[in-house]
Amino acid sequence: MEKIELFSGATIKETFNDFILSRKTKGLADKTLESYQHQFKSVSKHLDISMSIFALQKTDLNEMIVSMRESGLASNTINCYTRMLKSFFSWCNEEGITDLNIKLYKCEETIKETYTDKELEKLLKKPDMRKSDFGEYRNWVIINFLMNSGSRASTIRAIQNRDVDLENGIVFYRHTKNKKVQAIPLCSAMITIFREYMRIRKGKETDYLFCNQYGEQLSESALRQSIVRYNHKRGVQKTSIHLFRHTFARKYLVDCGGDAFTLQKLLGHSTLKMTKHYCNIFDADLTKNFDNFSPLAQIKSKSERIKLNKGY
């Protein structure tokens, strides 16, 4: 009689499908799961996912990385793929399937693009209420809110009328990336904007705050496309909603003198890691009063004093 081997027929692909199922039962966000599956499909171009999970060796993973590099993939893309695989293999380790894992591929530090003050001036200018439609007005409110809070697009879509507490100047996020309810403060200007908007928007308490013209929740695509049209109409070529998050972080740290711990809470980061990333790029302390410490500024200043003294 043939001996039955445990998991003898489990391929890398089948094991990955089990991993996705386990993450669903853990409550991982659908968007994250979709990203994992999309990345795994891309990985399959550089790794034979039909082989047994038990047959997979470290050399196979090394060859996979080499293949990715030779195909011209950016280092940040490879980093994303290895991050996904690291989560997958960590689960495999916990399940006793394999003790193999992978190191994160080193990515390049990138400078976060942001909206300029001139672009923000165009985008934050209130539309003519006599000529604009509800969509344009709603988009203006959304962009104001993004610059008040730096929230994610998925959070924007999930806010309901009942989540806005104008009396206490707070908005509650019930659907966040880390599944925790979050309270975000509103500045006085945003309270005024919301008060007018909600008077026009109306609807039930459980209706979505930022809706389409029929009162329905905005889809991810509809929100993205509406901001694209809005920005282009204002003469701004940048159209990314996520850029408002980067812009909020930069202005909070540099222009407003905010601190990293408060920024972490506002952005909803579970750890300081990503917040520190913003701090490293937008280091307000480094640029503050730099003329007092710059060798060039000191030399120029000294030179000017000498000229004045000599009467040039």
C-alpha atoms as a PDB file:
ATOM      1  CA  MET A   1       0.000   0.000   0.000  1.00  0.00           C
ATOM      2  CA  GLU A   2       1.331   3.453  -0.989  1.00  0.00           C
ATOM      3  CA  LYS A   3       2.287   5.665   1.943  1.00  0.00           C
ATOM      4  CA  ILE A   4       0.267   8.893   2.178  1.00  0.00           C
ATOM      5  CA  GLU A   5       2.482  11.944   2.615  1.00  0.00           C
ATOM      6  CA  LEU A   6       1.143  14.982   4.486  1.00  0.00           C
ATOM      7  CA  PHE A   7       0.578  17.925   2.081  1.00  0.00           C
ATOM      8  CA  SER A   8       2.283  15.896  -0.631  1.00  0.00           C
ATOM      9  CA  GLY A   9       0.221  17.526  -3.385  1.00  0.00           C
ATOM     10  CA  ALA A  10       0.235  21.100  -2.060  1.00  0.00           C
ATOM     11  CA  THR A  11       1.757  23.449  -4.608  1.00  0.00           C
ATOM     12  CA  ILE A  12       2.949  26.965  -3.816  1.00  0.00           C
ATOM     13  CA  LYS A  13      -0.173  28.298  -5.538  1.00  0.00           C
ATOM     14  CA  GLU A  14      -2.541  26.059  -3.545  1.00  0.00           C
ATOM     15  CA  THR A  15      -0.792  26.949  -0.307  1.00  0.00           C
ATOM     16  CA  PHE A  16      -1.028  30.649  -1.173  1.00  0.00           C
ATOM     17  CA  ASN A  17      -4.785  30.262  -1.734  1.00  0.00           C
ATOM     18  CA  ASP A  18      -5.039  28.751   1.758  1.00  0.00           C
ATOM     19  CA  PHE A  19      -3.083  31.728   3.067  1.00  0.00           C
ATOM     20  CA  ILE A  20      -5.536  34.171   1.449  1.00  0.00           C
ATOM     21  CA  LEU A  21      -8.471  32.277   2.935  1.00  0.00           C
ATOM     22  CA  SER A  22      -6.902  32.430   6.395  1.00  0.00           C
ATOM     23  CA  ARG A  23      -6.352  36.191   6.045  1.00  0.00           C
ATOM     24  CA  LYS A  24     -10.014  36.620   5.092  1.00  0.00           C
ATOM     25  CA  THR A  25     -11.094  34.874   8.268  1.00  0.00           C
ATOM     26  CA  LYS A  26      -8.751  37.201  10.182  1.00  0.00           C
ATOM     27  CA  GLY A  27     -10.597  40.206   8.761  1.00  0.00           C
ATOM     28  CA  LEU A  28      -7.861  41.562   6.515  1.00  0.00           C
ATOM     29  CA  ALA A  29      -9.150  44.363   4.263  1.00  0.00           C
ATOM     30  CA  ASP A  30     -10.434  43.316   0.822  1.00  0.00           C
ATOM     31  CA  LYS A  31      -8.127  45.854  -0.827  1.00  0.00           C
ATOM     32  CA  THR A  32      -5.094  44.298   0.885  1.00  0.00           C
ATOM     33  CA  LEU A  33      -6.175  40.817  -0.173  1.00  0.00           C
ATOM     34  CA  GLU A  34      -6.629  41.986  -3.763  1.00  0.00           C
ATOM     35  CA  SER A  35      -3.164  43.543  -3.649  1.00  0.00           C
ATOM     36  CA  TYR A  36      -1.655  40.280  -2.352  1.00  0.00           C
ATOM     37  CA  GLN A  37      -3.293  38.300  -5.161  1.00  0.00           C
ATOM     38  CA  HIS A  38      -2.222  40.779  -7.816  1.00  0.00           C
ATOM     39  CA  GLN A  39       1.363  40.734  -6.547  1.00  0.00           C
ATOM     40  CA  PHE A  40       1.421  36.929  -6.361  1.00  0.00           C
ATOM     41  CA  LYS A  41       0.306  36.781  -9.995  1.00  0.00           C
ATOM     42  CA  SER A  42       3.246  39.023 -10.903  1.00  0.00           C
ATOM     43  CA  VAL A  43       5.608  36.877  -8.825  1.00  0.00           C
ATOM     44  CA  SER A  44       4.478  33.793 -10.776  1.00  0.00           C
ATOM     45  CA  LYS A  45       6.295  35.197 -13.816  1.00  0.00           C
ATOM     46  CA  HIS A  46       9.573  34.729 -11.955  1.00  0.00           C
ATOM     47  CA  LEU A  47       8.837  31.696  -9.764  1.00  0.00           C
ATOM     48  CA  ASP A  48       7.337  28.317 -10.619  1.00  0.00           C
ATOM     49  CA  ILE A  49       4.276  28.357  -8.345  1.00  0.00           C
ATOM     50  CA  SER A  50       3.200  24.921  -9.571  1.00  0.00           C
ATOM     51  CA  MET A  51       6.035  23.243  -7.647  1.00  0.00           C
ATOM     52  CA  SER A  52       5.414  21.684  -4.239  1.00  0.00           C
ATOM     53  CA  ILE A  53       5.798  24.084  -1.322  1.00  0.00           C
ATOM     54  CA  PHE A  54       8.104  21.446   0.215  1.00  0.00           C
ATOM     55  CA  ALA A  55      10.377  21.499  -2.858  1.00  0.00           C
ATOM     56  CA  LEU A  56      10.926  25.253  -2.658  1.00  0.00           C
ATOM     57  CA  GLN A  57      14.490  26.156  -1.718  1.00  0.00           C
ATOM     58  CA  LYS A  58      16.360  29.343  -0.860  1.00  0.00           C
ATOM     59  CA  THR A  59      18.108  29.151  -4.233  1.00  0.00           C
ATOM     60  CA  ASP A  60      14.699  29.312  -5.965  1.00  0.00           C
ATOM     61  CA  LEU A  61      13.929  32.568  -4.166  1.00  0.00           C
ATOM     62  CA  ASN A  62      17.363  33.973  -5.011  1.00  0.00           C
ATOM     63  CA  GLU A  63      16.846  33.099  -8.674  1.00  0.00           C
ATOM     64  CA  MET A  64      13.417  34.738  -8.497  1.00  0.00           C
ATOM     65  CA  ILE A  65      14.995  38.015  -7.297  1.00  0.00           C
ATOM     66  CA  VAL A  66      17.621  37.842 -10.060  1.00  0.00           C
ATOM     67  CA  SER A  67      14.882  37.280 -12.640  1.00  0.00           C
ATOM     68  CA  MET A  68      12.951  40.287 -11.333  1.00  0.00           C
ATOM     69  CA  ARG A  69      16.032  42.496 -11.511  1.00  0.00           C
ATOM     70  CA  GLU A  70      16.960  41.335 -15.006  1.00  0.00           C
ATOM     71  CA  SER A  71      13.424  41.989 -16.225  1.00  0.00           C
ATOM     72  CA  GLY A  72      13.844  45.630 -15.239  1.00  0.00           C
ATOM     73  CA  LEU A  73      11.511  45.777 -12.233  1.00  0.00           C
ATOM     74  CA  ALA A  74      12.075  48.783  -9.980  1.00  0.00           C
ATOM     75  CA  SER A  75      13.608  48.096  -6.581  1.00  0.00           C
ATOM     76  CA  ASN A  76      10.493  49.432  -4.838  1.00  0.00           C
ATOM     77  CA  THR A  77       8.333  47.002  -6.836  1.00  0.00           C
ATOM     78  CA  ILE A  78      10.558  44.071  -5.861  1.00  0.00           C
ATOM     79  CA  ASN A  79      10.355  45.283  -2.261  1.00  0.00           C
ATOM     80  CA  CYS A  80       6.536  45.129  -2.426  1.00  0.00           C
ATOM     81  CA  TYR A  81       6.654  41.580  -3.789  1.00  0.00           C
ATOM     82  CA  THR A  82       9.089  40.380  -1.127  1.00  0.00           C
ATOM     83  CA  ARG A  83       6.982  42.081   1.571  1.00  0.00           C
ATOM     84  CA  MET A  84       3.952  40.097   0.406  1.00  0.00           C
ATOM     85  CA  LEU A  85       5.958  36.862   0.244  1.00  0.00           C
ATOM     86  CA  LYS A  86       7.356  37.499   3.714  1.00  0.00           C
ATOM     87  CA  SER A  87       3.787  37.634   5.081  1.00  0.00           C
ATOM     88  CA  PHE A  88       2.961  34.453   3.175  1.00  0.00           C
ATOM     89  CA  PHE A  89       5.996  32.538   4.421  1.00  0.00           C
ATOM     90  CA  SER A  90       5.506  33.780   7.981  1.00  0.00           C
ATOM     91  CA  TRP A  91       2.032  32.231   7.879  1.00  0.00           C
ATOM     92  CA  CYS A  92       3.535  29.025   6.434  1.00  0.00           C
ATOM     93  CA  ASN A  93       6.010  28.972   9.339  1.00  0.00           C
ATOM     94  CA  GLU A  94       3.179  29.353  11.860  1.00  0.00           C
ATOM     95  CA  GLU A  95       1.261  26.517  10.194  1.00  0.00           C
ATOM     96  CA  GLY A  96       4.309  24.242  10.222  1.00  0.00           C
ATOM     97  CA  ILE A  97       4.306  23.975   6.425  1.00  0.00           C
ATOM     98  CA  THR A  98       7.827  25.307   5.871  1.00  0.00           C
ATOM     99  CA  ASP A  99      10.537  27.112   7.807  1.00  0.00           C
ATOM    100  CA  LEU A 100      11.621  29.006   4.706  1.00  0.00           C
ATOM    101  CA  ASN A 101      11.286  32.809   4.644  1.00  0.00           C
ATOM    102  CA  ILE A 102      12.564  35.722   2.609  1.00  0.00           C
ATOM    103  CA  LYS A 103      14.346  38.972   3.410  1.00  0.00           C
ATOM    104  CA  LEU A 104      12.853  42.254   2.260  1.00  0.00           C
ATOM    105  CA  TYR A 105      14.506  43.560  -0.884  1.00  0.00           C
ATOM    106  CA  LYS A 106      16.120  46.920  -0.232  1.00  0.00           C
ATOM    107  CA  CYS A 107      14.089  49.721  -1.751  1.00  0.00           C
ATOM    108  CA  GLU A 108      15.092  53.240  -2.676  1.00  0.00           C
ATOM    109  CA  GLU A 109      14.050  56.170  -0.509  1.00  0.00           C
ATOM    110  CA  THR A 110      11.666  58.296  -2.549  1.00  0.00           C
ATOM    111  CA  ILE A 111      10.684  61.916  -2.071  1.00  0.00           C
ATOM    112  CA  LYS A 112       6.937  62.157  -1.584  1.00  0.00           C
ATOM    113  CA  GLU A 113       5.390  64.420  -4.208  1.00  0.00           C
ATOM    114  CA  THR A 114       3.004  67.010  -2.809  1.00  0.00           C
ATOM    115  CA  TYR A 115       0.682  69.724  -4.052  1.00  0.00           C
ATOM    116  CA  THR A 116       2.280  73.168  -4.139  1.00  0.00           C
ATOM    117  CA  ASP A 117       0.763  76.140  -2.321  1.00  0.00           C
ATOM    118  CA  LYS A 118      -0.247  77.659  -5.678  1.00  0.00           C
ATOM    119  CA  GLU A 119      -2.026  74.434  -6.656  1.00  0.00           C
ATOM    120  CA  LEU A 120      -3.765  74.271  -3.281  1.00  0.00           C
ATOM    121  CA  GLU A 121      -4.891  77.863  -3.672  1.00  0.00           C
ATOM    122  CA  LYS A 122      -6.641  76.907  -6.921  1.00  0.00           C
ATOM    123  CA  LEU A 123      -8.149  73.716  -5.511  1.00  0.00           C
ATOM    124  CA  LEU A 124      -9.361  75.231  -2.240  1.00  0.00           C
ATOM    125  CA  LYS A 125     -11.071  78.223  -3.824  1.00  0.00           C
ATOM    126  CA  LYS A 126     -14.793  77.847  -3.274  1.00  0.00           C
ATOM    127  CA  PRO A 127     -16.795  77.319  -6.484  1.00  0.00           C
ATOM    128  CA  ASP A 128     -19.478  79.790  -7.498  1.00  0.00           C
ATOM    129  CA  MET A 129     -22.556  78.269  -5.851  1.00  0.00           C
ATOM    130  CA  ARG A 130     -24.809  79.850  -8.497  1.00  0.00           C
ATOM    131  CA  LYS A 131     -23.029  78.065 -11.347  1.00  0.00           C
ATOM    132  CA  SER A 132     -21.548  74.835  -9.961  1.00  0.00           C
ATOM    133  CA  ASP A 133     -23.334  71.497  -9.625  1.00  0.00           C
ATOM    134  CA  PHE A 134     -23.436  69.305  -6.516  1.00  0.00           C
ATOM    135  CA  GLY A 135     -20.502  67.181  -7.688  1.00  0.00           C
ATOM    136  CA  GLU A 136     -18.102  70.108  -7.985  1.00  0.00           C
ATOM    137  CA  TYR A 137     -19.227  71.521  -4.639  1.00  0.00           C
ATOM    138  CA  ARG A 138     -18.861  68.111  -2.948  1.00  0.00           C
ATOM    139  CA  ASN A 139     -15.354  67.699  -4.407  1.00  0.00           C
ATOM    140  CA  TRP A 140     -14.386  71.098  -3.017  1.00  0.00           C
ATOM    141  CA  VAL A 141     -15.590  69.992   0.426  1.00  0.00           C
ATOM    142  CA  ILE A 142     -13.674  66.696   0.097  1.00  0.00           C
ATOM    143  CA  ILE A 143     -10.409  68.466  -0.757  1.00  0.00           C
ATOM    144  CA  ASN A 144     -10.864  70.840   2.165  1.00  0.00           C
ATOM    145  CA  PHE A 145     -11.417  67.836   4.417  1.00  0.00           C
ATOM    146  CA  LEU A 146      -8.334  66.080   3.038  1.00  0.00           C
ATOM    147  CA  MET A 147      -6.264  69.123   3.978  1.00  0.00           C
ATOM    148  CA  ASN A 148      -7.904  69.150   7.419  1.00  0.00           C
ATOM    149  CA  SER A 149      -7.252  65.481   8.156  1.00  0.00           C
ATOM    150  CA  GLY A 150      -4.949  63.797   5.629  1.00  0.00           C
ATOM    151  CA  SER A 151      -7.307  60.824   5.492  1.00  0.00           C
ATOM    152  CA  ARG A 152      -7.224  57.922   3.023  1.00  0.00           C
ATOM    153  CA  ALA A 153      -9.622  57.755   0.076  1.00  0.00           C
ATOM    154  CA  SER A 154     -11.227  54.573   1.464  1.00  0.00           C
ATOM    155  CA  THR A 155     -11.939  56.398   4.731  1.00  0.00           C
ATOM    156  CA  ILE A 156     -13.470  59.346   2.889  1.00  0.00           C
ATOM    157  CA  ARG A 157     -15.908  57.024   1.125  1.00  0.00           C
ATOM    158  CA  ALA A 158     -16.976  55.300   4.366  1.00  0.00           C
ATOM    159  CA  ILE A 159     -17.863  58.369   6.473  1.00  0.00           C
ATOM    160  CA  GLN A 160     -21.558  58.611   7.298  1.00  0.00           C
ATOM    161  CA  ASN A 161     -23.592  61.673   8.288  1.00  0.00           C
ATOM    162  CA  ARG A 162     -23.752  60.439  11.886  1.00  0.00           C
ATOM    163  CA  ASP A 163     -19.949  60.394  12.092  1.00  0.00           C
ATOM    164  CA  VAL A 164     -19.715  64.190  11.918  1.00  0.00           C
ATOM    165  CA  ASP A 165     -20.033  65.875  15.331  1.00  0.00           C
ATOM    166  CA  LEU A 166     -20.049  69.604  14.585  1.00  0.00           C
ATOM    167  CA  GLU A 167     -20.822  70.588  18.170  1.00  0.00           C
ATOM    168  CA  ASN A 168     -17.571  69.037  19.419  1.00  0.00           C
ATOM    169  CA  GLY A 169     -15.628  69.559  16.187  1.00  0.00           C
ATOM    170  CA  ILE A 170     -14.889  65.867  15.562  1.00  0.00           C
ATOM    171  CA  VAL A 171     -15.297  63.313  12.776  1.00  0.00           C
ATOM    172  CA  PHE A 172     -15.306  59.619  13.650  1.00  0.00           C
ATOM    173  CA  TYR A 173     -13.699  57.091  11.326  1.00  0.00           C
ATOM    174  CA  ARG A 174     -15.492  53.762  11.782  1.00  0.00           C
ATOM    175  CA  HIS A 175     -13.845  52.020   8.818  1.00  0.00           C
ATOM    176  CA  THR A 176     -10.090  52.421   9.058  1.00  0.00           C
ATOM    177  CA  LYS A 177      -7.201  50.342   7.735  1.00  0.00           C
ATOM    178  CA  ASN A 178      -6.373  48.985  11.194  1.00  0.00           C
ATOM    179  CA  LYS A 179     -10.068  48.358  12.033  1.00  0.00           C
ATOM    180  CA  LYS A 180     -10.030  50.816  14.948  1.00  0.00           C
ATOM    181  CA  VAL A 181     -12.463  53.683  15.459  1.00  0.00           C
ATOM    182  CA  GLN A 182     -10.604  56.970  15.186  1.00  0.00           C
ATOM    183  CA  ALA A 183     -11.654  60.495  16.205  1.00  0.00           C
ATOM    184  CA  ILE A 184     -10.252  63.330  14.074  1.00  0.00           C
ATOM    185  CA  PRO A 185     -10.521  67.006  15.099  1.00  0.00           C
ATOM    186  CA  LEU A 186     -11.992  69.616  12.777  1.00  0.00           C
ATOM    187  CA  CYS A 187     -10.592  73.123  12.524  1.00  0.00           C
ATOM    188  CA  SER A 188     -13.067  76.003  12.750  1.00  0.00           C
ATOM    189  CA  ALA A 189     -12.952  76.565   8.973  1.00  0.00           C
ATOM    190  CA  MET A 190     -13.833  72.913   8.332  1.00  0.00           C
ATOM    191  CA  ILE A 191     -16.722  73.054  10.814  1.00  0.00           C
ATOM    192  CA  THR A 192     -18.161  76.015   8.900  1.00  0.00           C
ATOM    193  CA  ILE A 193     -17.754  74.206   5.570  1.00  0.00           C
ATOM    194  CA  PHE A 194     -19.364  71.016   6.915  1.00  0.00           C
ATOM    195  CA  ARG A 195     -22.263  72.930   8.446  1.00  0.00           C
ATOM    196  CA  GLU A 196     -23.177  74.382   5.053  1.00  0.00           C
ATOM    197  CA  TYR A 197     -22.490  71.139   3.171  1.00  0.00           C
ATOM    198  CA  MET A 198     -24.627  68.984   5.445  1.00  0.00           C
ATOM    199  CA  ARG A 199     -27.469  71.468   5.181  1.00  0.00           C
ATOM    200  CA  ILE A 200     -27.368  70.979   1.396  1.00  0.00           C
ATOM    201  CA  ARG A 201     -26.565  67.248   1.441  1.00  0.00           C
ATOM    202  CA  LYS A 202     -29.271  66.323   3.991  1.00  0.00           C
ATOM    203  CA  GLY A 203     -30.110  62.602   4.156  1.00  0.00           C
ATOM    204  CA  LYS A 204     -30.447  60.086   7.000  1.00  0.00           C
ATOM    205  CA  GLU A 205     -27.848  59.636   9.725  1.00  0.00           C
ATOM    206  CA  THR A 206     -26.645  56.363   8.200  1.00  0.00           C
ATOM    207  CA  ASP A 207     -26.315  57.826   4.688  1.00  0.00           C
ATOM    208  CA  TYR A 208     -22.795  58.308   3.371  1.00  0.00           C
ATOM    209  CA  LEU A 209     -21.527  61.852   3.827  1.00  0.00           C
ATOM    210  CA  PHE A 210     -19.819  62.136   0.449  1.00  0.00           C
ATOM    211  CA  CYS A 211     -22.364  60.745  -1.989  1.00  0.00           C
ATOM    212  CA  ASN A 212     -23.188  61.025  -5.669  1.00  0.00           C
ATOM    213  CA  GLN A 213     -26.002  63.248  -6.916  1.00  0.00           C
ATOM    214  CA  TYR A 214     -28.524  60.505  -6.072  1.00  0.00           C
ATOM    215  CA  GLY A 215     -27.399  60.195  -2.453  1.00  0.00           C
ATOM    216  CA  GLU A 216     -25.553  56.894  -3.000  1.00  0.00           C
ATOM    217  CA  GLN A 217     -22.080  56.031  -1.724  1.00  0.00           C
ATOM    218  CA  LEU A 218     -19.285  57.035  -4.074  1.00  0.00           C
ATOM    219  CA  SER A 219     -17.441  54.092  -5.592  1.00  0.00           C
ATOM    220  CA  GLU A 220     -13.641  54.091  -5.489  1.00  0.00           C
ATOM    221  CA  SER A 221     -13.527  54.758  -9.219  1.00  0.00           C
ATOM    222  CA  ALA A 222     -16.141  57.526  -9.089  1.00  0.00           C
ATOM    223  CA  LEU A 223     -14.275  59.352  -6.336  1.00  0.00           C
ATOM    224  CA  ARG A 224     -10.967  59.077  -8.177  1.00  0.00           C
ATOM    225  CA  GLN A 225     -12.392  60.243 -11.496  1.00  0.00           C
ATOM    226  CA  SER A 226     -14.324  63.114  -9.943  1.00  0.00           C
ATOM    227  CA  ILE A 227     -11.143  64.472  -8.357  1.00  0.00           C
ATOM    228  CA  VAL A 228      -9.299  64.092 -11.677  1.00  0.00           C
ATOM    229  CA  ARG A 229     -11.955  66.192 -13.436  1.00  0.00           C
ATOM    230  CA  TYR A 230     -12.089  68.722 -10.609  1.00  0.00           C
ATOM    231  CA  ASN A 231      -8.309  69.233 -10.554  1.00  0.00           C
ATOM    232  CA  HIS A 232      -8.027  69.519 -14.323  1.00  0.00           C
ATOM    233  CA  LYS A 233     -10.858  72.044 -14.401  1.00  0.00           C
ATOM    234  CA  ARG A 234      -8.869  74.135 -11.901  1.00  0.00           C
ATOM    235  CA  GLY A 235      -5.738  73.907 -14.045  1.00  0.00           C
ATOM    236  CA  VAL A 236      -3.928  71.431 -11.778  1.00  0.00           C
ATOM    237  CA  GLN A 237      -2.354  68.467 -13.570  1.00  0.00           C
ATOM    238  CA  LYS A 238      -1.684  66.409 -10.443  1.00  0.00           C
ATOM    239  CA  THR A 239      -4.761  64.331  -9.681  1.00  0.00           C
ATOM    240  CA  SER A 240      -3.828  61.798  -7.001  1.00  0.00           C
ATOM    241  CA  ILE A 241      -6.036  61.746  -3.920  1.00  0.00           C
ATOM    242  CA  HIS A 242      -3.177  60.193  -1.919  1.00  0.00           C
ATOM    243  CA  LEU A 243      -0.988  63.231  -2.680  1.00  0.00           C
ATOM    244  CA  PHE A 244      -3.254  65.236  -0.380  1.00  0.00           C
ATOM    245  CA  ARG A 245      -2.193  62.874   2.424  1.00  0.00           C
ATOM    246  CA  HIS A 246       1.485  63.547   1.694  1.00  0.00           C
ATOM    247  CA  THR A 247       0.762  67.266   1.407  1.00  0.00           C
ATOM    248  CA  PHE A 248      -1.065  67.288   4.741  1.00  0.00           C
ATOM    249  CA  ALA A 249       1.900  65.548   6.408  1.00  0.00           C
ATOM    250  CA  ARG A 250       4.427  67.991   4.931  1.00  0.00           C
ATOM    251  CA  LYS A 251       2.478  71.101   5.828  1.00  0.00           C
ATOM    252  CA  TYR A 252       1.660  69.763   9.301  1.00  0.00           C
ATOM    253  CA  LEU A 253       5.334  69.126  10.055  1.00  0.00           C
ATOM    254  CA  VAL A 254       7.002  72.012   8.201  1.00  0.00           C
ATOM    255  CA  ASP A 255       4.520  74.889   8.027  1.00  0.00           C
ATOM    256  CA  CYS A 256       2.518  74.200  11.180  1.00  0.00           C
ATOM    257  CA  GLY A 257       5.313  72.907  13.419  1.00  0.00           C
ATOM    258  CA  GLY A 258       3.417  69.727  14.317  1.00  0.00           C
ATOM    259  CA  ASP A 259       4.995  66.767  16.091  1.00  0.00           C
ATOM    260  CA  ALA A 260       5.418  63.167  14.944  1.00  0.00           C
ATOM    261  CA  PHE A 261       3.295  61.567  17.673  1.00  0.00           C
ATOM    262  CA  THR A 262       0.233  63.696  16.901  1.00  0.00           C
ATOM    263  CA  LEU A 263       0.745  63.180  13.162  1.00  0.00           C
ATOM    264  CA  GLN A 264       0.790  59.424  13.768  1.00  0.00           C
ATOM    265  CA  LYS A 265      -2.632  59.632  15.410  1.00  0.00           C
ATOM    266  CA  LEU A 266      -4.070  61.900  12.721  1.00  0.00           C
ATOM    267  CA  LEU A 267      -2.867  59.654   9.883  1.00  0.00           C
ATOM    268  CA  GLY A 268      -3.968  56.485  11.674  1.00  0.00           C
ATOM    269  CA  HIS A 269      -0.570  54.778  11.578  1.00  0.00           C
ATOM    270  CA  SER A 270      -0.415  51.813  13.956  1.00  0.00           C
ATOM    271  CA  THR A 271       3.315  52.428  14.521  1.00  0.00           C
ATOM    272  CA  LEU A 272       5.668  55.381  14.161  1.00  0.00           C
ATOM    273  CA  LYS A 273       7.531  53.729  11.266  1.00  0.00           C
ATOM    274  CA  MET A 274       5.634  55.419   8.427  1.00  0.00           C
ATOM    275  CA  THR A 275       5.327  58.673  10.365  1.00  0.00           C
ATOM    276  CA  LYS A 276       9.112  58.719  10.839  1.00  0.00           C
ATOM    277  CA  HIS A 277       9.406  58.303   7.083  1.00  0.00           C
ATOM    278  CA  TYR A 278       7.512  61.575   6.634  1.00  0.00           C
ATOM    279  CA  CYS A 279       9.614  63.214   9.344  1.00  0.00           C
ATOM    280  CA  ASN A 280      12.871  62.177   7.660  1.00  0.00           C
ATOM    281  CA  ILE A 281      11.768  63.681   4.342  1.00  0.00           C
ATOM    282  CA  PHE A 282      10.033  66.779   5.666  1.00  0.00           C
ATOM    283  CA  ASP A 283      12.431  67.652   8.492  1.00  0.00           C
ATOM    284  CA  ALA A 284      11.210  71.026   9.744  1.00  0.00           C
ATOM    285  CA  ASP A 285      13.953  71.326  12.379  1.00  0.00           C
ATOM    286  CA  LEU A 286      16.622  70.917   9.722  1.00  0.00           C
ATOM    287  CA  THR A 287      15.400  73.873   7.624  1.00  0.00           C
ATOM    288  CA  LYS A 288      14.290  76.154  10.463  1.00  0.00           C
ATOM    289  CA  ASN A 289      16.539  79.262  10.771  1.00  0.00           C
ATOM    290  CA  PHE A 290      19.129  77.594   8.521  1.00  0.00           C
ATOM    291  CA  ASP A 291      20.661  80.975   7.650  1.00  0.00           C
ATOM    292  CA  ASN A 292      21.993  81.059  11.207  1.00  0.00           C
ATOM    293  CA  PHE A 293      23.922  77.829  10.639  1.00  0.00           C
ATOM    294  CA  SER A 294      24.715  77.708   6.900  1.00  0.00           C
ATOM    295  CA  PRO A 295      28.432  78.299   6.157  1.00  0.00           C
ATOM    296  CA  LEU A 296      27.481  79.905   2.813  1.00  0.00           C
ATOM    297  CA  ALA A 297      24.985  82.270   4.460  1.00  0.00           C
ATOM    298  CA  GLN A 298      27.591  83.247   7.080  1.00  0.00           C
ATOM    299  CA  ILE A 299      30.267  83.906   4.439  1.00  0.00           C
ATOM    300  CA  LYS A 300      27.860  85.958   2.305  1.00  0.00           C
ATOM    301  CA  SER A 301      26.737  87.933   5.335  1.00  0.00           C
ATOM    302  CA  LYS A 302      30.337  88.624   6.376  1.00  0.00           C
ATOM    303  CA  SER A 303      31.221  89.679   2.839  1.00  0.00           C
ATOM    304  CA  GLU A 304      28.301  92.113   2.750  1.00  0.00           C
ATOM    305  CA  ARG A 305      29.411  93.647   6.067  1.00  0.00           C
ATOM    306  CA  ILE A 306      32.942  94.117   4.732  1.00  0.00           C
ATOM    307  CA  LYS A 307      31.636  95.876   1.624  1.00  0.00           C
ATOM    308  CA  LEU A 308      29.509  98.204   3.724  1.00  0.00           C
ATOM    309  CA  ASN A 309      32.428  99.027   5.981  1.00  0.00           C
ATOM    310  CA  LYS A 310      34.648  99.853   2.994  1.00  0.00           C
ATOM    311  CA  GLY A 311      31.908 101.946   1.443  1.00  0.00           C
ATOM    312  CA  TYR A 312      31.470  99.897  -1.750  1.00  0.00           C
END
